[in-house]
Amino acid sequence: MTPELTALALAGLLQAVQYMLFALPANMELGTGYTSSPRDRAPSRSLSPRTARLQRALNNHFEGLILFTLAVVVVTLGGQATGFTAACAWIYLAMRVLYVPAYALGWTPWRSVIWGTGFFATVAMILAALF
C-alpha cells in the first residue's frame, strides 16, 4: 500500500473516532429518545458549545475527506506517487488530527491555520499529479 493510501485509510479511521467523540456527548445531551428518532422536529435543547464544535469538526472532515480522497486516487491511479505526495498526505492527516482539539477547544486563529495547512497539502498533491 502506498503512503498516500495508508494516510487515507487512517483518515477514514479518524472520521470514525470523530463520530464517536461527537455522538457520545450528543446522545447524553439530547437524549436517546431524540437521537434515535426520525428527527422530524428540532431537538428540545441545544448541544453544549463543545459538542456543537465537535459536530462542526466532524462535518468539516467529511468535506475535506472528499478532496483528499480525490487527491489520493489521482496520485495513486495516475502513478504519480512521490516522496512529495506522501509528505503531503501525512501533513493532511496530521492537520486533521490537530484540527479536532483545535476546533473543540476554540483555538483561534490556530484552527484556521491548521485547516489551511491540510487543505493546501491536499491541493499540492493534486497539482503534483498533474505536473
Protein backbone atom coordinates (compact mmCIF):
# COMPACT_ATOMS: atom_id res chain seq x y z
CA MET A 1 0.00 0.00 0.00
CA THR A 2 1.31 3.46 -0.86
CA PRO A 3 1.85 6.02 1.91
CA GLU A 4 -0.97 8.07 0.41
CA LEU A 5 -3.40 5.15 0.66
CA THR A 6 -2.26 4.44 4.22
CA ALA A 7 -2.91 8.06 5.16
CA LEU A 8 -6.34 7.82 3.52
CA ALA A 9 -7.18 4.66 5.48
CA LEU A 10 -6.10 6.34 8.71
CA ALA A 11 -8.12 9.44 7.82
CA GLY A 12 -11.15 7.14 7.49
CA LEU A 13 -10.48 5.75 10.96
CA LEU A 14 -10.08 9.29 12.27
CA GLN A 15 -13.52 10.04 10.85
CA ALA A 16 -14.93 7.13 12.86
CA VAL A 17 -13.20 8.36 16.02
CA GLN A 18 -14.54 11.87 15.43
CA TYR A 19 -18.02 10.46 15.01
CA MET A 20 -17.77 8.74 18.38
CA LEU A 21 -16.33 11.86 20.05
CA PHE A 22 -19.40 13.73 18.86
CA ALA A 23 -22.08 11.04 19.15
CA LEU A 24 -21.45 10.07 22.76
CA PRO A 25 -21.90 13.53 24.30
CA ALA A 26 -24.68 14.37 21.81
CA ASN A 27 -26.65 11.33 22.97
CA MET A 28 -26.13 12.29 26.59
CA GLU A 29 -27.11 15.92 25.99
CA LEU A 30 -30.08 15.39 23.68
CA GLY A 31 -31.24 12.03 24.98
CA THR A 32 -31.56 8.82 23.04
CA GLY A 33 -35.25 9.49 22.52
CA TYR A 34 -34.33 12.31 20.17
CA THR A 35 -31.17 10.86 18.64
CA SER A 36 -32.87 7.55 17.81
CA SER A 37 -35.96 9.28 16.40
CA PRO A 38 -36.51 10.22 12.75
CA ARG A 39 -35.64 13.81 13.82
CA ASP A 40 -38.69 15.34 12.20
CA ARG A 41 -38.54 18.13 14.75
CA ALA A 42 -35.74 20.20 16.20
CA PRO A 43 -34.30 18.95 19.49
CA SER A 44 -35.90 20.40 22.62
CA ARG A 45 -32.49 21.54 23.89
CA SER A 46 -29.27 22.68 22.26
CA LEU A 47 -25.94 20.93 22.23
CA SER A 48 -23.27 22.32 24.54
CA PRO A 49 -20.77 24.61 22.81
CA ARG A 50 -18.04 21.93 22.82
CA THR A 51 -20.32 19.19 21.47
CA ALA A 52 -21.56 21.56 18.76
CA ARG A 53 -17.94 22.29 17.84
CA LEU A 54 -17.22 18.56 17.65
CA GLN A 55 -20.17 18.22 15.28
CA ARG A 56 -18.85 21.03 13.07
CA ALA A 57 -15.35 19.50 13.10
CA LEU A 58 -16.86 16.15 12.06
CA ASN A 59 -18.82 17.76 9.23
CA ASN A 60 -15.72 19.65 8.14
CA HIS A 61 -13.76 16.40 7.95
CA PHE A 62 -16.45 14.88 5.73
CA GLU A 63 -15.94 17.82 3.37
CA GLY A 64 -12.14 17.70 3.49
CA LEU A 65 -12.05 13.94 3.12
CA ILE A 66 -13.77 14.19 -0.26
CA LEU A 67 -10.99 16.35 -1.71
CA PHE A 68 -8.26 14.32 -0.01
CA THR A 69 -9.72 11.06 -1.35
CA LEU A 70 -9.78 12.58 -4.83
CA ALA A 71 -6.12 13.60 -4.43
CA VAL A 72 -5.09 10.12 -3.28
CA VAL A 73 -6.98 8.45 -6.15
CA VAL A 74 -5.45 10.78 -8.75
CA VAL A 75 -1.93 10.31 -7.36
CA THR A 76 -2.26 6.54 -6.95
CA LEU A 77 -4.11 5.60 -10.15
CA GLY A 78 -2.09 8.12 -12.15
CA GLY A 79 1.14 6.52 -10.97
CA GLN A 80 2.33 9.89 -9.67
CA ALA A 81 3.16 8.93 -6.09
CA THR A 82 6.39 10.53 -4.91
CA GLY A 83 8.03 11.44 -1.65
CA PHE A 84 6.41 14.86 -2.01
CA THR A 85 2.88 13.46 -2.38
CA ALA A 86 3.48 11.09 0.53
CA ALA A 87 4.63 14.01 2.70
CA CYS A 88 1.54 15.99 1.67
CA ALA A 89 -0.70 13.07 2.62
CA TRP A 90 0.89 12.77 6.06
CA ILE A 91 0.66 16.54 6.55
CA TYR A 92 -3.06 16.38 5.70
CA LEU A 93 -3.60 13.59 8.23
CA ALA A 94 -1.58 15.32 10.96
CA MET A 95 -3.53 18.54 10.43
CA ARG A 96 -6.86 16.68 10.61
CA VAL A 97 -5.80 15.09 13.90
CA LEU A 98 -4.82 18.50 15.29
CA TYR A 99 -7.99 20.07 13.92
CA VAL A 100 -10.24 18.12 16.29
CA PRO A 101 -8.91 19.60 19.55
CA ALA A 102 -8.30 22.94 17.83
CA TYR A 103 -11.98 23.19 16.95
CA ALA A 104 -13.32 21.61 20.15
CA LEU A 105 -11.25 23.90 22.36
CA GLY A 106 -11.72 27.03 20.23
CA TRP A 107 -8.08 27.63 19.32
CA THR A 108 -8.22 30.82 17.30
CA PRO A 109 -6.64 31.60 14.90
CA TRP A 110 -4.79 28.26 15.01
CA ARG A 111 -7.82 26.23 13.95
CA SER A 112 -7.86 28.12 10.66
CA VAL A 113 -4.10 27.79 10.21
CA ILE A 114 -4.34 24.03 10.82
CA TRP A 115 -7.25 23.71 8.38
CA GLY A 116 -5.43 25.76 5.72
CA THR A 117 -2.26 23.70 6.02
CA GLY A 118 -4.20 20.47 5.44
CA PHE A 119 -6.16 22.00 2.57
CA PHE A 120 -3.06 23.29 0.78
CA ALA A 121 -1.28 19.95 1.28
CA THR A 122 -4.21 18.27 -0.47
CA VAL A 123 -4.21 20.77 -3.34
CA ALA A 124 -0.43 20.33 -3.67
CA MET A 125 -0.95 16.58 -4.12
CA ILE A 126 -3.36 17.18 -6.99
CA LEU A 127 -1.04 19.71 -8.62
CA ALA A 128 1.93 17.35 -8.24
CA ALA A 129 -0.04 14.63 -10.02
CA LEU A 130 -0.85 16.96 -12.90
CA PHE A 131 2.64 18.39 -13.38
